[in-house]
Amino acid sequence: MVMPVVKKFGWTRDEVERLVDACDGLTPRYELVDGELLVTPAPTRRHQRIIGQLYALLRPYVMHHRLGELVLSPAEVNFTPESRFEPDLFVDPAVAGRLPRASDPVTRLLLAIEVLSPGSRRHDRITKRRFFQRNGVPEYWIVDGDAKAFEVWRATDERPTLIDDHLTWTPAEASVAFTLDVIAFFAAVADDAPLP
């Protein structure tokens, strides 16, 4: 569910930063896209299970290929002076074969990932996706837990590639692809999944 906001359009980054500073905890999540404030409540346990599993599978690949740093939300991404994002999971590119400085703002991504929630569908599929495409994010994944599928968007795509069997990601900086068995992935995050 997206929470209501007082002001409908024309938000500034300073106003959003004041909202973030006024929060007692990490939720709700405040993001800013072209003056539009996106407000999202705390994620569900299923949402977190999906992100946690993706992190566990992607991190060894990202580190082995020296791609950069795989980061879990909440973490801020700032492409423009008037944008503020907290993707569920993203890859901050390496700088000369090293981890990016933790104190530097994140202004580029190799990969952004969002897990759909009932209140985030429109923003994840339209608002954020268009912004990421305009700003050169090479690949954007939308994880649909209900459909047990991944929507993969590249910078020039007009339609996503819908993947429900095997996902492959080959960033330009890697010589070998990351592969994910999508059916096994969703079986591993199901409520009745056996522990490994």
N, C-alpha and C. Protein backbone atom coordinates (compact mmCIF):
# COMPACT_ATOMS: atom_id res chain seq x y z
N MET A 1 0.83 -1.17 0.00
CA MET A 1 0.00 0.00 0.00
C MET A 1 0.88 1.24 0.00
N VAL A 2 0.59 2.19 -0.87
CA VAL A 2 1.30 3.46 -0.88
C VAL A 2 0.58 4.39 0.08
N MET A 3 1.34 5.03 0.95
CA MET A 3 0.75 5.90 1.95
C MET A 3 0.44 7.26 1.35
N PRO A 4 -0.63 7.92 1.81
CA PRO A 4 -0.97 9.24 1.26
C PRO A 4 0.06 10.28 1.65
N VAL A 5 0.21 11.29 0.80
CA VAL A 5 1.11 12.40 1.10
C VAL A 5 0.32 13.69 1.07
N VAL A 6 0.83 14.71 1.74
CA VAL A 6 0.12 15.97 1.84
C VAL A 6 0.22 16.76 0.54
N LYS A 7 1.39 16.78 -0.06
CA LYS A 7 1.65 17.56 -1.26
C LYS A 7 1.71 16.60 -2.45
N LYS A 8 1.05 16.92 -3.57
CA LYS A 8 0.96 15.97 -4.67
C LYS A 8 2.14 16.02 -5.63
N PHE A 9 2.70 17.19 -5.91
CA PHE A 9 3.77 17.26 -6.90
C PHE A 9 4.67 18.44 -6.59
N GLY A 10 5.86 18.41 -7.12
CA GLY A 10 6.77 19.53 -6.95
C GLY A 10 7.63 19.43 -5.70
N TRP A 11 7.83 18.22 -5.21
CA TRP A 11 8.68 18.03 -4.04
C TRP A 11 10.14 18.30 -4.41
N THR A 12 10.88 18.81 -3.43
CA THR A 12 12.31 19.01 -3.62
C THR A 12 13.07 17.98 -2.80
N ARG A 13 14.31 17.81 -3.15
CA ARG A 13 15.13 16.86 -2.41
C ARG A 13 15.28 17.26 -0.94
N ASP A 14 15.42 18.56 -0.67
CA ASP A 14 15.53 19.02 0.72
C ASP A 14 14.28 18.68 1.52
N GLU A 15 13.10 18.84 0.91
CA GLU A 15 11.86 18.49 1.61
C GLU A 15 11.82 17.00 1.93
N VAL A 16 12.24 16.18 0.96
CA VAL A 16 12.24 14.73 1.18
C VAL A 16 13.26 14.34 2.25
N GLU A 17 14.41 14.98 2.23
CA GLU A 17 15.42 14.69 3.26
C GLU A 17 14.89 15.03 4.66
N ARG A 18 14.11 16.10 4.77
CA ARG A 18 13.51 16.45 6.07
C ARG A 18 12.51 15.37 6.51
N LEU A 19 11.74 14.83 5.55
CA LEU A 19 10.82 13.73 5.89
C LEU A 19 11.60 12.52 6.40
N VAL A 20 12.68 12.18 5.70
CA VAL A 20 13.51 11.04 6.10
C VAL A 20 14.08 11.26 7.49
N ASP A 21 14.61 12.45 7.73
CA ASP A 21 15.20 12.77 9.04
C ASP A 21 14.18 12.71 10.16
N ALA A 22 12.92 13.01 9.86
CA ALA A 22 11.86 13.02 10.87
C ALA A 22 11.34 11.63 11.20
N CYS A 23 11.70 10.62 10.40
CA CYS A 23 11.24 9.24 10.64
C CYS A 23 11.90 8.67 11.88
N ASP A 24 11.14 7.90 12.64
CA ASP A 24 11.69 7.23 13.82
C ASP A 24 12.52 6.02 13.43
N GLY A 25 12.18 5.36 12.33
CA GLY A 25 12.88 4.16 11.90
C GLY A 25 13.21 4.22 10.43
N LEU A 26 13.28 3.05 9.81
CA LEU A 26 13.64 2.98 8.40
C LEU A 26 12.44 3.03 7.46
N THR A 27 11.24 3.06 8.03
CA THR A 27 10.04 3.13 7.20
C THR A 27 9.18 4.28 7.70
N PRO A 28 8.35 4.84 6.83
CA PRO A 28 8.19 4.47 5.43
C PRO A 28 9.42 4.89 4.62
N ARG A 29 9.48 4.34 3.42
CA ARG A 29 10.58 4.68 2.50
C ARG A 29 10.11 5.84 1.63
N TYR A 30 10.94 6.87 1.53
CA TYR A 30 10.64 8.05 0.72
C TYR A 30 11.59 8.08 -0.47
N GLU A 31 11.02 8.19 -1.67
CA GLU A 31 11.82 8.31 -2.88
C GLU A 31 11.28 9.49 -3.68
N LEU A 32 12.14 10.08 -4.49
CA LEU A 32 11.77 11.27 -5.27
C LEU A 32 12.14 11.05 -6.72
N VAL A 33 11.15 11.20 -7.61
CA VAL A 33 11.37 11.06 -9.04
C VAL A 33 10.73 12.24 -9.74
N ASP A 34 11.56 13.09 -10.35
CA ASP A 34 11.04 14.22 -11.13
C ASP A 34 9.99 15.02 -10.37
N GLY A 35 10.23 15.29 -9.09
CA GLY A 35 9.31 16.08 -8.29
C GLY A 35 8.18 15.30 -7.66
N GLU A 36 8.04 14.02 -8.00
CA GLU A 36 6.98 13.19 -7.44
C GLU A 36 7.51 12.42 -6.24
N LEU A 37 6.82 12.52 -5.11
CA LEU A 37 7.20 11.81 -3.90
C LEU A 37 6.56 10.43 -3.90
N LEU A 38 7.37 9.41 -3.75
CA LEU A 38 6.88 8.04 -3.65
C LEU A 38 7.08 7.59 -2.20
N VAL A 39 6.01 7.13 -1.57
CA VAL A 39 6.07 6.73 -0.17
C VAL A 39 5.60 5.28 -0.07
N THR A 40 6.44 4.44 0.53
CA THR A 40 6.14 3.02 0.62
C THR A 40 6.28 2.55 2.06
N PRO A 41 5.31 1.78 2.56
CA PRO A 41 5.41 1.27 3.93
C PRO A 41 6.46 0.17 4.05
N ALA A 42 6.61 -0.34 5.25
CA ALA A 42 7.58 -1.41 5.50
C ALA A 42 7.28 -2.62 4.61
N PRO A 43 8.32 -3.29 4.12
CA PRO A 43 8.12 -4.47 3.28
C PRO A 43 7.62 -5.65 4.11
N THR A 44 6.98 -6.59 3.41
CA THR A 44 6.52 -7.81 4.07
C THR A 44 7.69 -8.77 4.27
N ARG A 45 7.48 -9.79 5.09
CA ARG A 45 8.53 -10.79 5.27
C ARG A 45 8.82 -11.51 3.97
N ARG A 46 7.82 -11.77 3.16
CA ARG A 46 8.05 -12.46 1.87
C ARG A 46 8.93 -11.60 0.97
N HIS A 47 8.63 -10.33 0.93
CA HIS A 47 9.43 -9.38 0.15
C HIS A 47 10.89 -9.45 0.61
N GLN A 48 11.11 -9.42 1.91
CA GLN A 48 12.47 -9.46 2.45
C GLN A 48 13.14 -10.81 2.19
N ARG A 49 12.36 -11.87 2.23
CA ARG A 49 12.91 -13.21 1.94
C ARG A 49 13.41 -13.27 0.49
N ILE A 50 12.65 -12.70 -0.43
CA ILE A 50 13.05 -12.69 -1.84
C ILE A 50 14.33 -11.88 -2.02
N ILE A 51 14.38 -10.69 -1.42
CA ILE A 51 15.57 -9.84 -1.55
C ILE A 51 16.78 -10.51 -0.89
N GLY A 52 16.58 -11.10 0.28
CA GLY A 52 17.68 -11.77 0.97
C GLY A 52 18.26 -12.92 0.16
N GLN A 53 17.38 -13.69 -0.46
CA GLN A 53 17.83 -14.82 -1.28
C GLN A 53 18.57 -14.33 -2.52
N LEU A 54 18.06 -13.27 -3.15
CA LEU A 54 18.75 -12.71 -4.32
C LEU A 54 20.13 -12.18 -3.93
N TYR A 55 20.21 -11.53 -2.79
CA TYR A 55 21.49 -11.01 -2.31
C TYR A 55 22.49 -12.16 -2.12
N ALA A 56 22.02 -13.22 -1.47
CA ALA A 56 22.90 -14.37 -1.21
C ALA A 56 23.40 -15.01 -2.50
N LEU A 57 22.58 -15.02 -3.54
CA LEU A 57 22.97 -15.64 -4.80
C LEU A 57 23.83 -14.70 -5.67
N LEU A 58 23.51 -13.42 -5.66
CA LEU A 58 24.22 -12.46 -6.52
C LEU A 58 25.58 -12.02 -5.97
N ARG A 59 25.69 -11.91 -4.65
CA ARG A 59 26.91 -11.33 -4.07
C ARG A 59 28.18 -12.07 -4.48
N PRO A 60 28.23 -13.41 -4.42
CA PRO A 60 29.47 -14.08 -4.83
C PRO A 60 29.84 -13.77 -6.29
N TYR A 61 28.84 -13.69 -7.15
CA TYR A 61 29.09 -13.37 -8.56
C TYR A 61 29.65 -11.96 -8.71
N VAL A 62 29.01 -10.99 -8.06
CA VAL A 62 29.45 -9.59 -8.14
C VAL A 62 30.88 -9.45 -7.62
N MET A 63 31.18 -10.12 -6.52
CA MET A 63 32.52 -10.02 -5.94
C MET A 63 33.56 -10.75 -6.80
N HIS A 64 33.23 -11.94 -7.26
CA HIS A 64 34.18 -12.72 -8.07
C HIS A 64 34.58 -11.98 -9.34
N HIS A 65 33.62 -11.32 -9.96
CA HIS A 65 33.90 -10.59 -11.20
C HIS A 65 34.29 -9.14 -10.97
N ARG A 66 34.46 -8.79 -9.70
CA ARG A 66 34.94 -7.45 -9.32
C ARG A 66 34.09 -6.35 -9.96
N LEU A 67 32.76 -6.56 -9.91
CA LEU A 67 31.83 -5.62 -10.54
C LEU A 67 31.57 -4.38 -9.69
N GLY A 68 31.73 -4.51 -8.39
CA GLY A 68 31.43 -3.40 -7.49
C GLY A 68 30.87 -3.93 -6.20
N GLU A 69 29.86 -3.22 -5.67
CA GLU A 69 29.26 -3.60 -4.40
C GLU A 69 27.78 -3.84 -4.58
N LEU A 70 27.32 -4.99 -4.09
CA LEU A 70 25.89 -5.30 -4.08
C LEU A 70 25.33 -4.72 -2.78
N VAL A 71 24.31 -3.87 -2.90
CA VAL A 71 23.80 -3.13 -1.75
C VAL A 71 22.32 -3.41 -1.55
N LEU A 72 21.96 -3.65 -0.28
CA LEU A 72 20.57 -3.85 0.13
C LEU A 72 19.97 -2.53 0.59
N SER A 73 18.69 -2.36 0.35
CA SER A 73 17.97 -1.20 0.87
C SER A 73 17.81 -1.36 2.38
N PRO A 74 17.78 -0.32 3.16
CA PRO A 74 17.75 1.07 2.74
C PRO A 74 19.14 1.60 2.44
N ALA A 75 19.30 2.10 1.26
CA ALA A 75 20.53 2.76 0.83
C ALA A 75 20.14 3.71 -0.29
N GLU A 76 20.71 4.88 -0.27
CA GLU A 76 20.28 5.95 -1.16
C GLU A 76 21.06 5.97 -2.48
N VAL A 77 20.33 6.23 -3.57
CA VAL A 77 20.91 6.39 -4.90
C VAL A 77 20.45 7.76 -5.42
N ASN A 78 21.40 8.55 -5.95
CA ASN A 78 21.08 9.91 -6.40
C ASN A 78 21.64 10.14 -7.80
N PHE A 79 20.82 9.98 -8.81
CA PHE A 79 21.26 10.20 -10.18
C PHE A 79 21.32 11.67 -10.53
N THR A 80 20.37 12.42 -10.03
CA THR A 80 20.27 13.84 -10.33
C THR A 80 20.07 14.59 -9.03
N PRO A 81 20.28 15.92 -9.03
CA PRO A 81 20.09 16.68 -7.79
C PRO A 81 18.67 16.57 -7.22
N GLU A 82 17.69 16.30 -8.07
CA GLU A 82 16.31 16.21 -7.59
C GLU A 82 15.75 14.80 -7.67
N SER A 83 16.61 13.81 -7.47
CA SER A 83 16.12 12.44 -7.40
C SER A 83 16.67 11.79 -6.14
N ARG A 84 15.92 10.81 -5.65
CA ARG A 84 16.34 10.06 -4.48
C ARG A 84 15.67 8.70 -4.56
N PHE A 85 16.47 7.65 -4.65
CA PHE A 85 15.94 6.29 -4.76
C PHE A 85 16.49 5.41 -3.66
N GLU A 86 15.75 4.38 -3.33
CA GLU A 86 16.22 3.33 -2.45
C GLU A 86 15.79 1.99 -3.06
N PRO A 87 16.45 1.57 -4.15
CA PRO A 87 16.08 0.28 -4.74
C PRO A 87 16.24 -0.84 -3.71
N ASP A 88 15.44 -1.88 -3.85
CA ASP A 88 15.54 -3.00 -2.91
C ASP A 88 16.94 -3.59 -2.91
N LEU A 89 17.54 -3.65 -4.07
CA LEU A 89 18.88 -4.23 -4.23
C LEU A 89 19.51 -3.57 -5.45
N PHE A 90 20.81 -3.27 -5.38
CA PHE A 90 21.46 -2.67 -6.55
C PHE A 90 22.95 -2.94 -6.52
N VAL A 91 23.56 -2.81 -7.71
CA VAL A 91 25.01 -2.94 -7.83
C VAL A 91 25.60 -1.57 -8.12
N ASP A 92 26.40 -1.09 -7.15
CA ASP A 92 27.15 0.15 -7.30
C ASP A 92 28.48 -0.24 -7.95
N PRO A 93 28.79 0.30 -9.14
CA PRO A 93 29.96 -0.17 -9.89
C PRO A 93 31.29 0.07 -9.18
N ALA A 94 32.22 -0.84 -9.45
CA ALA A 94 33.58 -0.70 -8.94
C ALA A 94 34.23 0.53 -9.53
N VAL A 95 35.23 1.05 -8.81
CA VAL A 95 36.01 2.19 -9.29
C VAL A 95 37.45 1.70 -9.39
N ALA A 96 37.93 1.57 -10.61
CA ALA A 96 39.30 1.09 -10.86
C ALA A 96 39.57 -0.23 -10.14
N GLY A 97 38.60 -1.16 -10.23
CA GLY A 97 38.79 -2.48 -9.64
C GLY A 97 38.65 -2.53 -8.13
N ARG A 98 38.16 -1.48 -7.54
CA ARG A 98 38.01 -1.41 -6.07
C ARG A 98 36.56 -1.09 -5.71
N LEU A 99 36.19 -1.42 -4.47
CA LEU A 99 34.87 -1.05 -3.98
C LEU A 99 34.72 0.46 -4.03
N PRO A 100 33.52 0.95 -4.34
CA PRO A 100 33.32 2.39 -4.30
C PRO A 100 33.46 2.88 -2.85
N ARG A 101 33.85 4.13 -2.68
CA ARG A 101 33.97 4.69 -1.33
C ARG A 101 32.58 4.77 -0.70
N ALA A 102 32.46 4.27 0.52
CA ALA A 102 31.17 4.24 1.20
C ALA A 102 30.61 5.64 1.43
N SER A 103 31.47 6.65 1.51
CA SER A 103 31.00 8.01 1.76
C SER A 103 30.59 8.75 0.48
N ASP A 104 30.92 8.19 -0.68
CA ASP A 104 30.56 8.85 -1.94
C ASP A 104 29.10 8.56 -2.30
N PRO A 105 28.39 9.55 -2.85
CA PRO A 105 27.01 9.29 -3.28
C PRO A 105 26.99 8.29 -4.44
N VAL A 106 25.95 7.49 -4.48
CA VAL A 106 25.76 6.53 -5.57
C VAL A 106 25.06 7.26 -6.70
N THR A 107 25.75 7.38 -7.84
CA THR A 107 25.19 8.13 -8.97
C THR A 107 25.10 7.29 -10.25
N ARG A 108 25.57 6.04 -10.18
CA ARG A 108 25.48 5.11 -11.33
C ARG A 108 25.15 3.74 -10.79
N LEU A 109 24.51 2.92 -11.60
CA LEU A 109 24.21 1.55 -11.22
C LEU A 109 24.51 0.62 -12.39
N LEU A 110 24.94 -0.60 -12.06
CA LEU A 110 25.04 -1.65 -13.08
C LEU A 110 23.74 -2.43 -13.16
N LEU A 111 23.05 -2.50 -12.03
CA LEU A 111 21.81 -3.28 -11.93
C LEU A 111 20.97 -2.69 -10.81
N ALA A 112 19.66 -2.57 -11.03
CA ALA A 112 18.71 -2.19 -9.99
C ALA A 112 17.64 -3.26 -9.94
N ILE A 113 17.21 -3.60 -8.73
CA ILE A 113 16.19 -4.64 -8.56
C ILE A 113 15.12 -4.14 -7.59
N GLU A 114 13.86 -4.32 -7.98
CA GLU A 114 12.73 -4.03 -7.10
C GLU A 114 11.83 -5.26 -7.04
N VAL A 115 11.34 -5.56 -5.85
CA VAL A 115 10.35 -6.62 -5.66
C VAL A 115 8.99 -5.95 -5.57
N LEU A 116 8.06 -6.40 -6.38
CA LEU A 116 6.73 -5.77 -6.39
C LEU A 116 6.00 -5.99 -5.07
N SER A 117 5.33 -4.94 -4.64
CA SER A 117 4.41 -4.98 -3.52
C SER A 117 3.10 -4.40 -4.03
N PRO A 118 1.98 -4.69 -3.36
CA PRO A 118 0.71 -4.17 -3.86
C PRO A 118 0.72 -2.66 -4.12
N GLY A 119 1.36 -1.88 -3.27
CA GLY A 119 1.36 -0.44 -3.44
C GLY A 119 2.47 0.11 -4.30
N SER A 120 3.39 -0.74 -4.74
CA SER A 120 4.54 -0.22 -5.50
C SER A 120 4.50 -0.58 -6.98
N ARG A 121 3.52 -1.35 -7.39
CA ARG A 121 3.50 -1.86 -8.77
C ARG A 121 3.63 -0.76 -9.83
N ARG A 122 2.80 0.27 -9.72
CA ARG A 122 2.81 1.34 -10.72
C ARG A 122 4.16 2.06 -10.73
N HIS A 123 4.64 2.41 -9.56
CA HIS A 123 5.90 3.14 -9.49
C HIS A 123 7.08 2.29 -9.94
N ASP A 124 7.11 1.01 -9.55
CA ASP A 124 8.21 0.14 -9.96
C ASP A 124 8.20 -0.10 -11.46
N ARG A 125 7.01 -0.34 -12.01
CA ARG A 125 6.91 -0.68 -13.43
C ARG A 125 6.95 0.54 -14.35
N ILE A 126 6.53 1.69 -13.88
CA ILE A 126 6.46 2.84 -14.77
C ILE A 126 7.40 3.95 -14.33
N THR A 127 7.15 4.55 -13.18
CA THR A 127 7.90 5.74 -12.76
C THR A 127 9.39 5.46 -12.63
N LYS A 128 9.74 4.48 -11.80
CA LYS A 128 11.17 4.18 -11.58
C LYS A 128 11.79 3.60 -12.84
N ARG A 129 11.09 2.70 -13.49
CA ARG A 129 11.64 2.06 -14.69
C ARG A 129 12.00 3.09 -15.75
N ARG A 130 11.10 4.03 -16.03
CA ARG A 130 11.39 5.06 -17.03
C ARG A 130 12.60 5.90 -16.61
N PHE A 131 12.66 6.25 -15.34
CA PHE A 131 13.78 7.05 -14.86
C PHE A 131 15.10 6.29 -15.02
N PHE A 132 15.11 5.02 -14.60
CA PHE A 132 16.33 4.22 -14.73
C PHE A 132 16.74 4.08 -16.19
N GLN A 133 15.78 3.87 -17.08
CA GLN A 133 16.10 3.76 -18.50
C GLN A 133 16.68 5.07 -19.04
N ARG A 134 16.07 6.18 -18.69
CA ARG A 134 16.56 7.49 -19.15
C ARG A 134 17.95 7.79 -18.64
N ASN A 135 18.30 7.26 -17.49
CA ASN A 135 19.57 7.59 -16.86
C ASN A 135 20.61 6.49 -16.98
N GLY A 136 20.43 5.61 -17.98
CA GLY A 136 21.47 4.68 -18.38
C GLY A 136 21.74 3.48 -17.49
N VAL A 137 20.77 3.08 -16.66
CA VAL A 137 20.97 1.84 -15.89
C VAL A 137 20.88 0.69 -16.89
N PRO A 138 21.97 -0.10 -17.03
CA PRO A 138 21.99 -1.13 -18.07
C PRO A 138 20.89 -2.19 -17.93
N GLU A 139 20.54 -2.52 -16.67
CA GLU A 139 19.51 -3.54 -16.49
C GLU A 139 18.74 -3.28 -15.21
N TYR A 140 17.42 -3.48 -15.30
CA TYR A 140 16.51 -3.26 -14.18
C TYR A 140 15.61 -4.48 -14.09
N TRP A 141 15.62 -5.13 -12.92
CA TRP A 141 14.78 -6.32 -12.71
C TRP A 141 13.63 -5.96 -11.80
N ILE A 142 12.45 -6.38 -12.20
CA ILE A 142 11.27 -6.29 -11.35
C ILE A 142 10.88 -7.73 -11.02
N VAL A 143 10.87 -8.03 -9.73
CA VAL A 143 10.56 -9.40 -9.29
C VAL A 143 9.09 -9.45 -8.90
N ASP A 144 8.34 -10.29 -9.58
CA ASP A 144 6.92 -10.47 -9.30
C ASP A 144 6.74 -11.80 -8.57
N GLY A 145 6.64 -11.72 -7.24
CA GLY A 145 6.51 -12.94 -6.43
C GLY A 145 5.22 -13.67 -6.68
N ASP A 146 4.13 -12.96 -7.01
CA ASP A 146 2.85 -13.61 -7.29
C ASP A 146 2.92 -14.41 -8.58
N ALA A 147 3.52 -13.83 -9.61
CA ALA A 147 3.63 -14.51 -10.91
C ALA A 147 4.82 -15.45 -10.96
N LYS A 148 5.69 -15.39 -9.95
CA LYS A 148 6.92 -16.19 -9.90
C LYS A 148 7.75 -15.97 -11.17
N ALA A 149 7.96 -14.69 -11.45
CA ALA A 149 8.68 -14.32 -12.67
C ALA A 149 9.47 -13.03 -12.44
N PHE A 150 10.44 -12.82 -13.33
CA PHE A 150 11.24 -11.60 -13.35
C PHE A 150 10.92 -10.84 -14.63
N GLU A 151 10.71 -9.54 -14.51
CA GLU A 151 10.63 -8.67 -15.68
C GLU A 151 12.00 -8.03 -15.82
N VAL A 152 12.63 -8.20 -16.95
CA VAL A 152 13.95 -7.63 -17.18
C VAL A 152 13.83 -6.51 -18.20
N TRP A 153 14.28 -5.32 -17.77
CA TRP A 153 14.27 -4.14 -18.62
C TRP A 153 15.69 -3.70 -18.89
N ARG A 154 16.00 -3.39 -20.13
CA ARG A 154 17.28 -2.79 -20.48
C ARG A 154 17.01 -1.34 -20.91
N ALA A 155 18.05 -0.56 -21.01
CA ALA A 155 17.90 0.88 -21.22
C ALA A 155 17.04 1.24 -22.44
N THR A 156 17.08 0.46 -23.50
CA THR A 156 16.35 0.82 -24.72
C THR A 156 15.07 0.02 -24.93
N ASP A 157 14.72 -0.85 -23.99
CA ASP A 157 13.53 -1.70 -24.15
C ASP A 157 12.23 -0.91 -24.08
N GLU A 158 11.30 -1.26 -24.96
CA GLU A 158 9.95 -0.72 -24.88
C GLU A 158 9.03 -1.68 -24.14
N ARG A 159 9.45 -2.93 -24.08
CA ARG A 159 8.71 -3.97 -23.35
C ARG A 159 9.72 -4.81 -22.58
N PRO A 160 9.30 -5.35 -21.44
CA PRO A 160 10.25 -6.17 -20.68
C PRO A 160 10.36 -7.57 -21.27
N THR A 161 11.43 -8.23 -20.93
CA THR A 161 11.55 -9.65 -21.17
C THR A 161 11.02 -10.32 -19.92
N LEU A 162 10.00 -11.15 -20.05
CA LEU A 162 9.40 -11.84 -18.91
C LEU A 162 10.07 -13.20 -18.79
N ILE A 163 10.67 -13.45 -17.63
CA ILE A 163 11.44 -14.68 -17.45
C ILE A 163 10.87 -15.48 -16.29
N ASP A 164 10.47 -16.71 -16.57
CA ASP A 164 9.95 -17.58 -15.52
C ASP A 164 10.65 -18.94 -15.48
N ASP A 165 11.77 -19.05 -16.22
CA ASP A 165 12.51 -20.32 -16.19
C ASP A 165 13.98 -20.10 -15.80
N HIS A 166 14.78 -19.48 -16.67
CA HIS A 166 16.19 -19.24 -16.38
C HIS A 166 16.57 -17.79 -16.70
N LEU A 167 17.02 -17.08 -15.69
CA LEU A 167 17.44 -15.71 -15.84
C LEU A 167 18.95 -15.69 -16.05
N THR A 168 19.39 -14.89 -17.01
CA THR A 168 20.82 -14.74 -17.29
C THR A 168 21.16 -13.26 -17.27
N TRP A 169 22.25 -12.92 -16.58
CA TRP A 169 22.73 -11.53 -16.54
C TRP A 169 24.21 -11.54 -16.87
N THR A 170 24.59 -10.83 -17.92
CA THR A 170 25.99 -10.73 -18.31
C THR A 170 26.37 -9.27 -18.45
N PRO A 171 26.79 -8.65 -17.34
CA PRO A 171 27.24 -7.26 -17.45
C PRO A 171 28.48 -7.16 -18.33
N ALA A 172 28.67 -6.02 -18.95
CA ALA A 172 29.81 -5.83 -19.87
C ALA A 172 31.14 -6.10 -19.19
N GLU A 173 31.21 -5.89 -17.89
CA GLU A 173 32.46 -6.05 -17.16
C GLU A 173 32.78 -7.49 -16.77
N ALA A 174 31.88 -8.43 -17.06
CA ALA A 174 32.07 -9.84 -16.67
C ALA A 174 32.26 -10.71 -17.90
N SER A 175 33.04 -11.76 -17.75
CA SER A 175 33.29 -12.67 -18.86
C SER A 175 32.34 -13.87 -18.84
N VAL A 176 31.70 -14.12 -17.71
CA VAL A 176 30.80 -15.25 -17.55
C VAL A 176 29.46 -14.73 -17.03
N ALA A 177 28.38 -15.33 -17.48
CA ALA A 177 27.05 -14.88 -17.09
C ALA A 177 26.67 -15.38 -15.70
N PHE A 178 25.86 -14.58 -15.00
CA PHE A 178 25.17 -15.02 -13.79
C PHE A 178 23.90 -15.71 -14.28
N THR A 179 23.61 -16.89 -13.76
CA THR A 179 22.38 -17.58 -14.14
C THR A 179 21.59 -17.94 -12.89
N LEU A 180 20.28 -17.87 -13.03
CA LEU A 180 19.38 -18.15 -11.93
C LEU A 180 18.26 -19.05 -12.42
N ASP A 181 18.08 -20.18 -11.74
CA ASP A 181 16.95 -21.05 -12.01
C ASP A 181 15.75 -20.42 -11.30
N VAL A 182 14.88 -19.78 -12.04
CA VAL A 182 13.78 -19.01 -11.46
C VAL A 182 12.80 -19.91 -10.72
N ILE A 183 12.50 -21.09 -11.24
CA ILE A 183 11.58 -22.00 -10.58
C ILE A 183 12.14 -22.43 -9.23
N ALA A 184 13.41 -22.82 -9.20
CA ALA A 184 14.05 -23.22 -7.94
C ALA A 184 14.14 -22.04 -6.97
N PHE A 185 14.39 -20.86 -7.51
CA PHE A 185 14.48 -19.66 -6.67
C PHE A 185 13.18 -19.44 -5.91
N PHE A 186 12.06 -19.43 -6.62
CA PHE A 186 10.78 -19.18 -5.96
C PHE A 186 10.37 -20.33 -5.05
N ALA A 187 10.79 -21.55 -5.38
CA ALA A 187 10.52 -22.68 -4.48
C ALA A 187 11.27 -22.49 -3.16
N ALA A 188 12.48 -21.92 -3.23
CA ALA A 188 13.32 -21.73 -2.04
C ALA A 188 12.80 -20.63 -1.12
N VAL A 189 11.97 -19.72 -1.64
CA VAL A 189 11.46 -18.62 -0.82
C VAL A 189 9.97 -18.81 -0.46
N ALA A 190 9.41 -19.97 -0.82
CA ALA A 190 8.01 -20.26 -0.51
C ALA A 190 7.85 -20.47 1.00
N ASP A 191 6.63 -20.25 1.49
CA ASP A 191 6.37 -20.39 2.92
C ASP A 191 6.69 -21.80 3.45
N ASP A 192 6.52 -22.80 2.63
CA ASP A 192 6.75 -24.17 3.10
C ASP A 192 8.09 -24.74 2.63
N ALA A 193 8.99 -23.87 2.22
CA ALA A 193 10.29 -24.32 1.71
C ALA A 193 11.10 -24.96 2.82
N PRO A 194 11.72 -26.11 2.54
CA PRO A 194 12.59 -26.73 3.54
C PRO A 194 13.86 -25.90 3.74
N LEU A 195 14.34 -25.90 4.93
CA LEU A 195 15.61 -25.21 5.20
C LEU A 195 16.76 -26.01 4.59
N PRO A 196 17.77 -25.31 4.09
CA PRO A 196 18.88 -26.03 3.45
C PRO A 196 19.68 -26.85 4.45
